[in-house]
């Protein structure tokens, strides 16, 4: 049985309210947990770990498993406290996008223009050894494409509607000012060292 992870905070002042956390985490994220536990009963995935389900399942089982992982990762990508980028991350951003300002502009534009519901990611591509910005729709995740996430923003409306109504750009601006750069830096470090195993290790640390 999968269980809802612990939320690292109860709210982030001037970004996401306690009410948003109660609905987004306590209702939506919990629903994906409940759905997956029900859907895997009597299937080949009944005793499987979350990483294996995300990378091997399809249909409703995949959708709910991926949404658990996507949300888990999102919560760790934001912080109520100011954090700093590692030198490794700074260098990777400059090498991949030209400058931090260009990275920020491209990331926010990609997240703003994603049509409908989905996610905007920064991933490490183990083939090119560079960072890329990737959009995914609904429950899709770059992990299934062999790309290793280091940062994600949730642009499903339930992530921001309570606090921002339909003003996605306002939500994204606040998101960017509350990125947990220490977590992102460590995600890049482990992505380079361990490749896709770093994703499995992260998932297993929450859903052992």
N, C-alpha and C. Protein backbone atom coordinates (compact mmCIF):
# COMPACT_ATOMS: atom_id res chain seq x y z
N UNK A 1 0.84 -1.20 0.00
CA UNK A 1 0.00 0.00 0.00
C UNK A 1 0.87 1.25 0.00
N UNK A 2 0.62 2.11 -0.94
CA UNK A 2 1.36 3.37 -0.99
C UNK A 2 0.72 4.37 -0.04
N UNK A 3 1.55 5.22 0.54
CA UNK A 3 1.07 6.23 1.47
C UNK A 3 1.49 7.61 1.01
N UNK A 4 0.70 8.61 1.37
CA UNK A 4 1.00 9.99 1.01
C UNK A 4 2.25 10.44 1.76
N UNK A 5 3.19 10.97 1.05
CA UNK A 5 4.41 11.47 1.66
C UNK A 5 4.11 12.63 2.61
N UNK A 6 5.05 12.97 3.46
CA UNK A 6 4.90 14.13 4.34
C UNK A 6 5.20 15.40 3.55
N UNK A 7 4.36 16.40 3.71
CA UNK A 7 4.59 17.69 3.05
C UNK A 7 5.69 18.44 3.81
N UNK A 8 6.68 19.02 3.10
CA UNK A 8 7.79 19.68 3.79
C UNK A 8 7.40 20.99 4.50
N UNK A 9 6.18 21.46 4.28
CA UNK A 9 5.73 22.75 4.85
C UNK A 9 4.21 22.73 4.91
N UNK A 10 3.64 23.67 5.65
CA UNK A 10 2.18 23.78 5.71
C UNK A 10 1.64 24.85 4.79
N UNK A 11 2.49 25.79 4.46
CA UNK A 11 2.19 26.86 3.51
C UNK A 11 3.50 27.56 3.19
N UNK A 12 3.49 28.37 2.15
CA UNK A 12 4.64 29.22 1.87
C UNK A 12 4.10 30.64 1.71
N UNK A 13 4.33 31.45 2.70
CA UNK A 13 3.75 32.79 2.70
C UNK A 13 4.17 33.57 1.47
N UNK A 14 3.25 34.29 0.91
CA UNK A 14 3.35 35.09 -0.32
C UNK A 14 3.52 34.24 -1.57
N UNK A 15 3.32 32.90 -1.44
CA UNK A 15 3.36 32.03 -2.61
C UNK A 15 2.14 31.10 -2.66
N UNK A 16 2.09 30.11 -1.77
CA UNK A 16 0.93 29.22 -1.74
C UNK A 16 0.36 29.16 -0.32
N UNK A 17 -0.94 29.29 -0.24
CA UNK A 17 -1.62 29.38 1.05
C UNK A 17 -1.82 28.01 1.68
N UNK A 18 -2.16 28.02 2.95
CA UNK A 18 -2.49 26.78 3.65
C UNK A 18 -3.68 26.09 2.97
N UNK A 19 -4.64 26.90 2.50
CA UNK A 19 -5.82 26.33 1.83
C UNK A 19 -5.41 25.58 0.57
N UNK A 20 -4.51 26.17 -0.20
CA UNK A 20 -4.02 25.49 -1.41
C UNK A 20 -3.34 24.17 -1.04
N UNK A 21 -2.50 24.20 -0.01
CA UNK A 21 -1.83 22.97 0.40
C UNK A 21 -2.84 21.92 0.84
N UNK A 22 -3.88 22.34 1.56
CA UNK A 22 -4.89 21.39 2.03
C UNK A 22 -5.61 20.73 0.86
N UNK A 23 -5.89 21.50 -0.19
CA UNK A 23 -6.58 20.94 -1.35
C UNK A 23 -5.63 20.20 -2.28
N UNK A 24 -4.51 20.84 -2.61
CA UNK A 24 -3.59 20.27 -3.59
C UNK A 24 -2.92 19.01 -3.04
N UNK A 25 -2.41 19.12 -1.84
CA UNK A 25 -1.74 17.97 -1.21
C UNK A 25 -2.74 17.03 -0.55
N UNK A 26 -3.59 17.59 0.29
CA UNK A 26 -4.48 16.76 1.10
C UNK A 26 -5.61 16.10 0.34
N UNK A 27 -6.02 16.69 -0.78
CA UNK A 27 -7.12 16.13 -1.58
C UNK A 27 -6.61 15.50 -2.88
N UNK A 28 -6.00 16.32 -3.75
CA UNK A 28 -5.59 15.83 -5.08
C UNK A 28 -4.49 14.77 -4.98
N UNK A 29 -3.41 15.09 -4.27
CA UNK A 29 -2.30 14.15 -4.16
C UNK A 29 -2.76 12.87 -3.47
N UNK A 30 -3.56 13.02 -2.41
CA UNK A 30 -4.08 11.86 -1.70
C UNK A 30 -4.96 10.99 -2.60
N UNK A 31 -5.72 11.62 -3.48
CA UNK A 31 -6.60 10.87 -4.38
C UNK A 31 -5.80 9.97 -5.31
N UNK A 32 -4.66 10.46 -5.80
CA UNK A 32 -3.81 9.63 -6.66
C UNK A 32 -3.30 8.41 -5.89
N UNK A 33 -2.96 8.60 -4.63
CA UNK A 33 -2.53 7.49 -3.79
C UNK A 33 -3.65 6.47 -3.65
N UNK A 34 -4.84 6.95 -3.30
CA UNK A 34 -5.98 6.06 -3.12
C UNK A 34 -6.31 5.30 -4.40
N UNK A 35 -6.31 6.03 -5.52
CA UNK A 35 -6.63 5.41 -6.80
C UNK A 35 -5.64 4.31 -7.16
N UNK A 36 -4.35 4.60 -6.98
CA UNK A 36 -3.33 3.62 -7.35
C UNK A 36 -3.45 2.37 -6.49
N UNK A 37 -3.64 2.55 -5.20
CA UNK A 37 -3.79 1.39 -4.32
C UNK A 37 -4.95 0.50 -4.74
N UNK A 38 -6.01 1.12 -5.22
CA UNK A 38 -7.17 0.34 -5.67
C UNK A 38 -6.92 -0.30 -7.04
N UNK A 39 -6.28 0.44 -7.93
CA UNK A 39 -6.10 -0.05 -9.30
C UNK A 39 -5.11 -1.20 -9.41
N UNK A 40 -4.10 -1.24 -8.55
CA UNK A 40 -3.08 -2.29 -8.70
C UNK A 40 -3.52 -3.64 -8.12
N UNK A 41 -4.60 -3.66 -7.37
CA UNK A 41 -5.05 -4.92 -6.77
C UNK A 41 -5.34 -5.97 -7.85
N UNK A 42 -4.74 -7.13 -7.69
CA UNK A 42 -4.97 -8.22 -8.64
C UNK A 42 -4.27 -8.08 -9.96
N UNK A 43 -3.34 -7.12 -10.07
CA UNK A 43 -2.59 -6.94 -11.32
C UNK A 43 -1.12 -7.31 -11.10
N UNK A 44 -0.35 -7.29 -12.18
CA UNK A 44 1.08 -7.59 -12.08
C UNK A 44 1.83 -6.55 -11.25
N UNK A 45 1.18 -5.40 -11.00
CA UNK A 45 1.85 -4.32 -10.28
C UNK A 45 1.47 -4.28 -8.80
N UNK A 46 0.74 -5.29 -8.33
CA UNK A 46 0.24 -5.26 -6.95
C UNK A 46 1.37 -5.15 -5.93
N UNK A 47 2.49 -5.78 -6.20
CA UNK A 47 3.62 -5.75 -5.26
C UNK A 47 4.80 -4.94 -5.79
N UNK A 48 4.59 -4.22 -6.89
CA UNK A 48 5.68 -3.48 -7.52
C UNK A 48 5.94 -2.16 -6.81
N UNK A 49 7.18 -1.69 -6.93
CA UNK A 49 7.53 -0.37 -6.41
C UNK A 49 7.03 0.71 -7.35
N UNK A 50 6.97 1.94 -6.84
CA UNK A 50 6.42 3.04 -7.63
C UNK A 50 7.25 3.31 -8.89
N UNK A 51 8.57 3.22 -8.79
CA UNK A 51 9.41 3.46 -9.96
C UNK A 51 9.09 2.48 -11.08
N UNK A 52 8.93 1.21 -10.74
CA UNK A 52 8.62 0.21 -11.76
C UNK A 52 7.24 0.46 -12.38
N UNK A 53 6.31 0.91 -11.56
CA UNK A 53 4.97 1.19 -12.10
C UNK A 53 5.03 2.37 -13.06
N UNK A 54 5.72 3.43 -12.66
CA UNK A 54 5.82 4.62 -13.52
C UNK A 54 6.48 4.28 -14.84
N UNK A 55 7.48 3.43 -14.82
CA UNK A 55 8.26 3.16 -16.04
C UNK A 55 7.71 2.00 -16.88
N UNK A 56 6.75 1.23 -16.33
CA UNK A 56 6.28 0.05 -17.06
C UNK A 56 4.77 0.02 -17.31
N UNK A 57 3.99 0.70 -16.49
CA UNK A 57 2.53 0.61 -16.59
C UNK A 57 1.98 1.55 -17.65
N UNK A 58 0.72 1.34 -17.97
CA UNK A 58 0.00 2.21 -18.91
C UNK A 58 -1.38 2.50 -18.35
N UNK A 59 -2.10 3.39 -19.02
CA UNK A 59 -3.49 3.66 -18.67
C UNK A 59 -3.64 4.27 -17.29
N UNK A 60 -4.71 3.90 -16.61
CA UNK A 60 -5.03 4.49 -15.32
C UNK A 60 -3.99 4.22 -14.25
N UNK A 61 -3.39 3.04 -14.28
CA UNK A 61 -2.35 2.73 -13.30
C UNK A 61 -1.17 3.66 -13.48
N UNK A 62 -0.72 3.83 -14.74
CA UNK A 62 0.37 4.77 -14.99
C UNK A 62 0.00 6.19 -14.58
N UNK A 63 -1.18 6.64 -14.98
CA UNK A 63 -1.58 8.02 -14.71
C UNK A 63 -1.50 8.35 -13.23
N UNK A 64 -2.03 7.48 -12.40
CA UNK A 64 -2.04 7.76 -10.97
C UNK A 64 -0.65 7.60 -10.34
N UNK A 65 0.11 6.61 -10.79
CA UNK A 65 1.48 6.44 -10.28
C UNK A 65 2.35 7.63 -10.66
N UNK A 66 2.26 8.05 -11.91
CA UNK A 66 3.07 9.19 -12.37
C UNK A 66 2.69 10.47 -11.64
N UNK A 67 1.40 10.65 -11.39
CA UNK A 67 0.97 11.84 -10.68
C UNK A 67 1.45 11.85 -9.23
N UNK A 68 1.60 10.68 -8.64
CA UNK A 68 2.18 10.62 -7.30
C UNK A 68 3.63 11.10 -7.36
N UNK A 69 4.40 10.54 -8.29
CA UNK A 69 5.80 10.96 -8.42
C UNK A 69 5.92 12.44 -8.80
N UNK A 70 5.14 12.87 -9.76
CA UNK A 70 5.23 14.26 -10.21
C UNK A 70 4.98 15.23 -9.05
N UNK A 71 3.96 14.92 -8.24
CA UNK A 71 3.66 15.79 -7.10
C UNK A 71 4.72 15.68 -6.00
N UNK A 72 5.19 14.47 -5.73
CA UNK A 72 6.27 14.31 -4.76
C UNK A 72 7.43 15.24 -5.11
N UNK A 73 7.82 15.21 -6.37
CA UNK A 73 8.98 15.97 -6.82
C UNK A 73 8.70 17.47 -6.77
N UNK A 74 7.51 17.86 -7.15
CA UNK A 74 7.12 19.28 -7.12
C UNK A 74 7.26 19.85 -5.71
N UNK A 75 6.76 19.12 -4.71
CA UNK A 75 6.82 19.64 -3.33
C UNK A 75 8.26 19.87 -2.89
N UNK A 76 9.18 19.04 -3.36
CA UNK A 76 10.58 19.21 -2.96
C UNK A 76 11.29 20.30 -3.75
N UNK A 77 10.70 20.73 -4.84
CA UNK A 77 11.31 21.77 -5.67
C UNK A 77 11.02 23.19 -5.17
N UNK A 78 10.18 23.31 -4.15
CA UNK A 78 9.84 24.64 -3.63
C UNK A 78 10.16 24.69 -2.13
N UNK A 79 10.43 25.90 -1.65
CA UNK A 79 10.84 26.06 -0.26
C UNK A 79 10.40 27.42 0.27
N UNK A 80 10.03 27.47 1.56
CA UNK A 80 9.72 28.76 2.17
C UNK A 80 10.98 29.57 2.47
N UNK A 81 12.15 28.92 2.38
CA UNK A 81 13.41 29.57 2.73
C UNK A 81 14.26 29.82 1.47
N UNK A 82 15.07 30.85 1.52
CA UNK A 82 15.95 31.15 0.40
C UNK A 82 17.09 30.13 0.37
N UNK A 83 17.34 29.58 -0.79
CA UNK A 83 18.41 28.59 -0.95
C UNK A 83 19.30 29.00 -2.12
N UNK A 84 20.47 28.39 -2.20
CA UNK A 84 21.44 28.79 -3.22
C UNK A 84 21.74 27.65 -4.18
N UNK A 85 22.09 28.04 -5.39
CA UNK A 85 22.50 27.07 -6.40
C UNK A 85 23.94 26.64 -6.15
N UNK A 86 24.23 25.39 -6.44
CA UNK A 86 25.61 24.93 -6.39
C UNK A 86 26.35 25.48 -7.61
N UNK A 87 27.68 25.48 -7.53
CA UNK A 87 28.48 25.90 -8.69
C UNK A 87 28.23 24.98 -9.87
N UNK A 88 28.05 23.70 -9.59
CA UNK A 88 27.78 22.73 -10.65
C UNK A 88 26.50 23.08 -11.39
N UNK A 89 25.45 23.46 -10.65
CA UNK A 89 24.18 23.84 -11.28
C UNK A 89 24.33 25.14 -12.06
N UNK A 90 25.01 26.11 -11.48
CA UNK A 90 25.22 27.39 -12.19
C UNK A 90 25.92 27.15 -13.52
N UNK A 91 26.96 26.34 -13.49
CA UNK A 91 27.71 26.05 -14.73
C UNK A 91 26.84 25.32 -15.74
N UNK A 92 26.03 24.37 -15.28
CA UNK A 92 25.17 23.61 -16.19
C UNK A 92 24.13 24.52 -16.84
N UNK A 93 23.57 25.45 -16.08
CA UNK A 93 22.60 26.38 -16.62
C UNK A 93 23.24 27.28 -17.68
N UNK A 94 24.43 27.78 -17.37
CA UNK A 94 25.12 28.66 -18.33
C UNK A 94 25.50 27.91 -19.60
N UNK A 95 25.97 26.68 -19.44
CA UNK A 95 26.38 25.89 -20.61
C UNK A 95 25.18 25.50 -21.47
N UNK A 96 24.04 25.25 -20.83
CA UNK A 96 22.87 24.76 -21.56
C UNK A 96 22.01 25.87 -22.14
N UNK A 97 21.96 27.02 -21.46
CA UNK A 97 21.04 28.08 -21.88
C UNK A 97 21.71 29.42 -22.18
N UNK A 98 23.00 29.52 -21.93
CA UNK A 98 23.72 30.76 -22.23
C UNK A 98 23.89 31.67 -21.03
N UNK A 99 22.85 31.77 -20.22
CA UNK A 99 22.91 32.59 -19.01
C UNK A 99 21.74 32.22 -18.11
N UNK A 100 21.81 32.62 -16.85
CA UNK A 100 20.72 32.35 -15.93
C UNK A 100 19.46 33.11 -16.36
N UNK A 101 19.63 34.36 -16.79
CA UNK A 101 18.48 35.16 -17.22
C UNK A 101 17.77 34.52 -18.41
N UNK A 102 18.53 33.98 -19.35
CA UNK A 102 17.93 33.32 -20.50
C UNK A 102 17.22 32.05 -20.07
N UNK A 103 17.80 31.32 -19.14
CA UNK A 103 17.16 30.13 -18.59
C UNK A 103 15.82 30.49 -17.94
N UNK A 104 15.83 31.51 -17.10
CA UNK A 104 14.60 31.91 -16.42
C UNK A 104 13.53 32.31 -17.43
N UNK A 105 13.91 33.10 -18.41
CA UNK A 105 12.96 33.55 -19.44
C UNK A 105 12.37 32.36 -20.20
N UNK A 106 13.22 31.42 -20.59
CA UNK A 106 12.77 30.27 -21.37
C UNK A 106 11.88 29.35 -20.55
N UNK A 107 12.27 29.14 -19.30
CA UNK A 107 11.49 28.26 -18.42
C UNK A 107 10.11 28.83 -18.16
N UNK A 108 10.05 30.11 -17.81
CA UNK A 108 8.76 30.73 -17.51
C UNK A 108 7.87 30.81 -18.75
N UNK A 109 8.46 31.06 -19.90
CA UNK A 109 7.68 31.09 -21.13
C UNK A 109 7.11 29.72 -21.45
N UNK A 110 7.93 28.69 -21.26
CA UNK A 110 7.48 27.33 -21.53
C UNK A 110 6.36 26.93 -20.58
N UNK A 111 6.48 27.27 -19.32
CA UNK A 111 5.45 26.94 -18.33
C UNK A 111 4.18 27.73 -18.58
N UNK A 112 4.32 28.97 -18.98
CA UNK A 112 3.15 29.83 -19.22
C UNK A 112 2.36 29.36 -20.44
N UNK A 113 3.05 28.92 -21.46
CA UNK A 113 2.40 28.59 -22.73
C UNK A 113 1.98 27.14 -22.85
N UNK A 114 2.28 26.32 -21.85
CA UNK A 114 1.84 24.92 -21.89
C UNK A 114 0.31 24.90 -21.94
N UNK A 115 -0.24 24.25 -22.95
CA UNK A 115 -1.69 24.27 -23.15
C UNK A 115 -2.36 23.26 -22.22
N UNK A 116 -3.40 23.71 -21.55
CA UNK A 116 -4.17 22.82 -20.70
C UNK A 116 -3.43 22.47 -19.42
N UNK A 117 -3.59 21.23 -18.97
CA UNK A 117 -3.01 20.78 -17.71
C UNK A 117 -1.70 20.04 -17.96
N UNK A 118 -0.75 20.23 -17.06
CA UNK A 118 0.50 19.50 -17.21
C UNK A 118 1.60 20.03 -16.33
N UNK A 119 2.83 19.83 -16.79
CA UNK A 119 4.02 20.09 -16.01
C UNK A 119 5.11 20.68 -16.90
N UNK A 120 5.92 21.56 -16.33
CA UNK A 120 7.09 22.07 -17.05
C UNK A 120 8.33 21.68 -16.24
N UNK A 121 9.24 21.00 -16.89
CA UNK A 121 10.39 20.39 -16.23
C UNK A 121 11.72 20.97 -16.72
N UNK A 122 12.69 20.92 -15.84
CA UNK A 122 14.09 21.00 -16.26
C UNK A 122 14.67 19.62 -16.03
N UNK A 123 15.27 19.05 -17.08
CA UNK A 123 15.78 17.69 -17.00
C UNK A 123 17.24 17.65 -17.39
N UNK A 124 17.92 16.64 -16.90
CA UNK A 124 19.28 16.33 -17.34
C UNK A 124 19.20 15.23 -18.38
N UNK A 125 19.74 15.52 -19.56
CA UNK A 125 19.76 14.53 -20.63
C UNK A 125 21.08 13.78 -20.57
N UNK A 126 21.06 12.51 -20.20
CA UNK A 126 22.33 11.77 -20.04
C UNK A 126 23.06 11.54 -21.35
N UNK A 127 22.38 11.72 -22.47
CA UNK A 127 23.05 11.55 -23.76
C UNK A 127 23.83 12.80 -24.17
N UNK A 128 23.17 13.96 -24.07
CA UNK A 128 23.84 15.21 -24.44
C UNK A 128 24.65 15.80 -23.30
N UNK A 129 24.41 15.31 -22.07
CA UNK A 129 25.06 15.84 -20.86
C UNK A 129 24.67 17.29 -20.58
N UNK A 130 23.50 17.70 -21.09
CA UNK A 130 23.05 19.07 -20.88
C UNK A 130 21.66 19.09 -20.25
N UNK A 131 21.28 20.28 -19.79
CA UNK A 131 19.95 20.49 -19.25
C UNK A 131 19.00 20.87 -20.38
N UNK A 132 17.75 20.45 -20.25
CA UNK A 132 16.72 20.79 -21.23
C UNK A 132 15.44 21.17 -20.50
N UNK A 133 14.62 21.97 -21.14
CA UNK A 133 13.30 22.31 -20.61
C UNK A 133 12.27 21.52 -21.40
N UNK A 134 11.41 20.80 -20.70
CA UNK A 134 10.47 19.87 -21.32
C UNK A 134 9.07 20.12 -20.77
N UNK A 135 8.09 20.18 -21.66
CA UNK A 135 6.68 20.24 -21.27
C UNK A 135 6.09 18.83 -21.33
N UNK A 136 5.26 18.48 -20.34
CA UNK A 136 4.49 17.24 -20.44
C UNK A 136 3.03 17.54 -20.11
N UNK A 137 2.13 16.84 -20.77
CA UNK A 137 0.71 17.05 -20.56
C UNK A 137 0.15 16.04 -19.56
N UNK A 138 -0.85 16.47 -18.83
CA UNK A 138 -1.57 15.61 -17.90
C UNK A 138 -0.61 14.91 -16.93
N UNK A 139 -0.56 13.58 -16.95
CA UNK A 139 0.30 12.86 -15.99
C UNK A 139 1.67 12.49 -16.56
N UNK A 140 1.92 12.82 -17.80
CA UNK A 140 3.16 12.38 -18.43
C UNK A 140 4.39 12.92 -17.69
N UNK A 141 5.46 12.13 -17.70
CA UNK A 141 6.67 12.49 -16.98
C UNK A 141 7.89 12.18 -17.86
N UNK A 142 8.92 13.01 -17.82
CA UNK A 142 10.10 12.79 -18.67
C UNK A 142 10.86 11.51 -18.34
N UNK A 143 10.60 10.94 -17.17
CA UNK A 143 11.30 9.72 -16.77
C UNK A 143 11.08 8.61 -17.81
N UNK A 144 9.90 8.56 -18.40
CA UNK A 144 9.60 7.52 -19.38
C UNK A 144 10.34 7.74 -20.69
N UNK A 145 10.95 8.91 -20.85
CA UNK A 145 11.74 9.22 -22.05
C UNK A 145 13.23 9.12 -21.78
N UNK A 146 13.60 8.61 -20.60
CA UNK A 146 15.01 8.48 -20.26
C UNK A 146 15.65 9.77 -19.82
N UNK A 147 14.84 10.78 -19.51
CA UNK A 147 15.34 12.08 -19.05
C UNK A 147 15.18 12.17 -17.54
N UNK A 148 16.12 12.82 -16.88
CA UNK A 148 16.16 12.82 -15.42
C UNK A 148 15.76 14.19 -14.88
N UNK A 149 14.62 14.29 -14.22
CA UNK A 149 14.15 15.58 -13.71
C UNK A 149 15.06 16.15 -12.62
N UNK A 150 15.25 17.48 -12.68
CA UNK A 150 15.93 18.16 -11.57
C UNK A 150 15.05 19.30 -11.02
N UNK A 151 14.02 19.69 -11.78
CA UNK A 151 13.11 20.76 -11.34
C UNK A 151 11.79 20.60 -12.08
N UNK A 152 10.68 20.87 -11.37
CA UNK A 152 9.38 20.84 -12.04
C UNK A 152 8.45 21.88 -11.43
N UNK A 153 7.58 22.41 -12.27
CA UNK A 153 6.48 23.24 -11.78
C UNK A 153 5.17 22.64 -12.28
N UNK A 154 4.21 22.58 -11.38
CA UNK A 154 2.88 22.04 -11.67
C UNK A 154 2.03 23.16 -12.26
N UNK A 155 1.52 22.96 -13.48
CA UNK A 155 0.64 23.97 -14.06
C UNK A 155 -0.77 23.44 -14.31
N UNK A 156 -1.14 22.39 -13.57
CA UNK A 156 -2.55 22.07 -13.48
C UNK A 156 -3.21 23.22 -12.71
N UNK A 157 -4.43 23.58 -13.06
CA UNK A 157 -5.08 24.72 -12.40
C UNK A 157 -5.24 24.52 -10.90
N UNK A 158 -5.40 23.26 -10.46
CA UNK A 158 -5.58 23.06 -9.02
C UNK A 158 -4.35 23.45 -8.22
N UNK A 159 -3.20 23.63 -8.89
CA UNK A 159 -1.98 24.04 -8.19
C UNK A 159 -2.02 25.51 -7.78
N UNK A 160 -2.82 26.30 -8.48
CA UNK A 160 -2.75 27.75 -8.23
C UNK A 160 -4.08 28.48 -8.20
N UNK A 161 -5.19 27.79 -8.50
CA UNK A 161 -6.46 28.52 -8.69
C UNK A 161 -6.95 29.18 -7.40
N UNK A 162 -6.77 28.53 -6.25
CA UNK A 162 -7.24 29.12 -4.98
C UNK A 162 -6.57 30.46 -4.73
N UNK A 163 -5.27 30.54 -5.00
CA UNK A 163 -4.51 31.76 -4.69
C UNK A 163 -4.42 32.75 -5.85
N UNK A 164 -4.45 32.26 -7.07
CA UNK A 164 -4.19 33.12 -8.22
C UNK A 164 -5.31 33.12 -9.25
N UNK A 165 -6.39 32.37 -8.97
CA UNK A 165 -7.47 32.20 -9.95
C UNK A 165 -6.86 31.71 -11.26
N UNK A 166 -7.11 32.36 -12.38
CA UNK A 166 -6.58 31.85 -13.65
C UNK A 166 -5.30 32.57 -14.08
N UNK A 167 -4.65 33.27 -13.16
CA UNK A 167 -3.45 34.05 -13.48
C UNK A 167 -2.20 33.18 -13.35
N UNK A 168 -2.01 32.29 -14.30
CA UNK A 168 -0.86 31.39 -14.25
C UNK A 168 0.47 32.14 -14.19
N UNK A 169 0.67 33.22 -14.98
CA UNK A 169 1.96 33.92 -14.93
C UNK A 169 2.30 34.44 -13.53
N UNK A 170 1.30 34.92 -12.78
CA UNK A 170 1.56 35.40 -11.43
C UNK A 170 2.03 34.29 -10.51
N UNK A 171 1.40 33.13 -10.64
CA UNK A 171 1.81 31.95 -9.88
C UNK A 171 3.23 31.53 -10.24
N UNK A 172 3.55 31.54 -11.53
CA UNK A 172 4.87 31.10 -11.97
C UNK A 172 5.97 32.05 -11.50
N UNK A 173 5.67 33.34 -11.49
CA UNK A 173 6.64 34.31 -11.01
C UNK A 173 6.99 34.05 -9.54
N UNK A 174 5.97 33.78 -8.74
CA UNK A 174 6.19 33.48 -7.32
C UNK A 174 6.89 32.12 -7.15
N UNK A 175 6.51 31.16 -8.00
CA UNK A 175 7.18 29.86 -7.96
C UNK A 175 8.68 30.04 -8.14
N UNK A 176 9.06 30.81 -9.13
CA UNK A 176 10.47 30.94 -9.44
C UNK A 176 11.25 31.57 -8.28
N UNK A 177 10.61 32.45 -7.55
CA UNK A 177 11.28 33.09 -6.42
C UNK A 177 11.33 32.20 -5.18
N UNK A 178 10.68 31.02 -5.25
CA UNK A 178 10.70 30.09 -4.12
C UNK A 178 11.24 28.71 -4.50
N UNK A 179 12.02 28.66 -5.57
CA UNK A 179 12.63 27.38 -5.96
C UNK A 179 13.63 26.93 -4.90
N UNK A 180 13.58 25.65 -4.59
CA UNK A 180 14.49 25.05 -3.62
C UNK A 180 15.79 24.67 -4.35
N UNK A 181 16.66 25.67 -4.52
CA UNK A 181 17.85 25.47 -5.36
C UNK A 181 18.78 24.41 -4.78
N UNK A 182 18.79 24.25 -3.47
CA UNK A 182 19.63 23.22 -2.87
C UNK A 182 19.18 21.83 -3.32
N UNK A 183 17.86 21.61 -3.33
CA UNK A 183 17.32 20.32 -3.80
C UNK A 183 17.63 20.12 -5.28
N UNK A 184 17.43 21.17 -6.07
CA UNK A 184 17.69 21.08 -7.52
C UNK A 184 19.16 20.77 -7.77
N UNK A 185 20.03 21.42 -7.00
CA UNK A 185 21.48 21.19 -7.15
C UNK A 185 21.83 19.74 -6.86
N UNK A 186 21.24 19.19 -5.79
CA UNK A 186 21.52 17.80 -5.43
C UNK A 186 20.93 16.84 -6.46
N UNK A 187 19.76 17.20 -7.01
CA UNK A 187 19.16 16.35 -8.04
C UNK A 187 20.07 16.27 -9.26
N UNK A 188 20.68 17.40 -9.63
CA UNK A 188 21.61 17.39 -10.76
C UNK A 188 22.85 16.58 -10.43
N UNK A 189 23.38 16.77 -9.24
CA UNK A 189 24.58 16.03 -8.83
C UNK A 189 24.36 14.53 -8.94
N UNK A 190 23.22 14.06 -8.42
CA UNK A 190 22.95 12.62 -8.45
C UNK A 190 22.55 12.13 -9.84
N UNK A 191 21.92 13.00 -10.63
CA UNK A 191 21.60 12.62 -12.00
C UNK A 191 22.88 12.34 -12.79
N UNK A 192 23.89 13.16 -12.57
CA UNK A 192 25.16 12.97 -13.27
C UNK A 192 25.89 11.72 -12.77
N UNK A 193 25.79 11.47 -11.48
CA UNK A 193 26.51 10.33 -10.90
C UNK A 193 25.83 8.99 -11.18
N UNK A 194 24.51 8.97 -11.04
CA UNK A 194 23.78 7.71 -11.03
C UNK A 194 22.81 7.52 -12.19
N UNK A 195 22.60 8.56 -12.99
CA UNK A 195 21.66 8.43 -14.10
C UNK A 195 20.26 8.17 -13.61
N UNK A 196 19.53 7.29 -14.31
CA UNK A 196 18.13 7.00 -13.96
C UNK A 196 18.00 6.35 -12.58
N UNK A 197 19.07 5.75 -12.10
CA UNK A 197 19.02 5.18 -10.75
C UNK A 197 18.77 6.25 -9.69
N UNK A 198 19.13 7.49 -9.99
CA UNK A 198 18.87 8.57 -9.02
C UNK A 198 17.38 8.81 -8.86
N UNK A 199 16.61 8.60 -9.93
CA UNK A 199 15.15 8.74 -9.85
C UNK A 199 14.57 7.62 -8.99
N UNK A 200 15.05 6.41 -9.23
CA UNK A 200 14.57 5.28 -8.43
C UNK A 200 14.91 5.46 -6.95
N UNK A 201 16.13 5.92 -6.69
CA UNK A 201 16.54 6.15 -5.30
C UNK A 201 15.66 7.20 -4.65
N UNK A 202 15.35 8.28 -5.36
CA UNK A 202 14.47 9.32 -4.81
C UNK A 202 13.09 8.76 -4.51
N UNK A 203 12.51 8.04 -5.46
CA UNK A 203 11.18 7.47 -5.26
C UNK A 203 11.17 6.49 -4.10
N UNK A 204 12.18 5.63 -4.04
CA UNK A 204 12.25 4.63 -2.97
C UNK A 204 12.41 5.29 -1.60
N UNK A 205 13.05 6.46 -1.55
CA UNK A 205 13.23 7.14 -0.27
C UNK A 205 11.90 7.62 0.30
N UNK A 206 10.91 7.78 -0.57
CA UNK A 206 9.59 8.23 -0.14
C UNK A 206 8.57 7.10 -0.06
N UNK A 207 8.79 6.06 -0.86
CA UNK A 207 7.81 4.97 -0.96
C UNK A 207 8.50 3.61 -0.88
N UNK A 208 9.32 3.44 0.13
CA UNK A 208 10.06 2.18 0.28
C UNK A 208 9.09 1.06 0.61
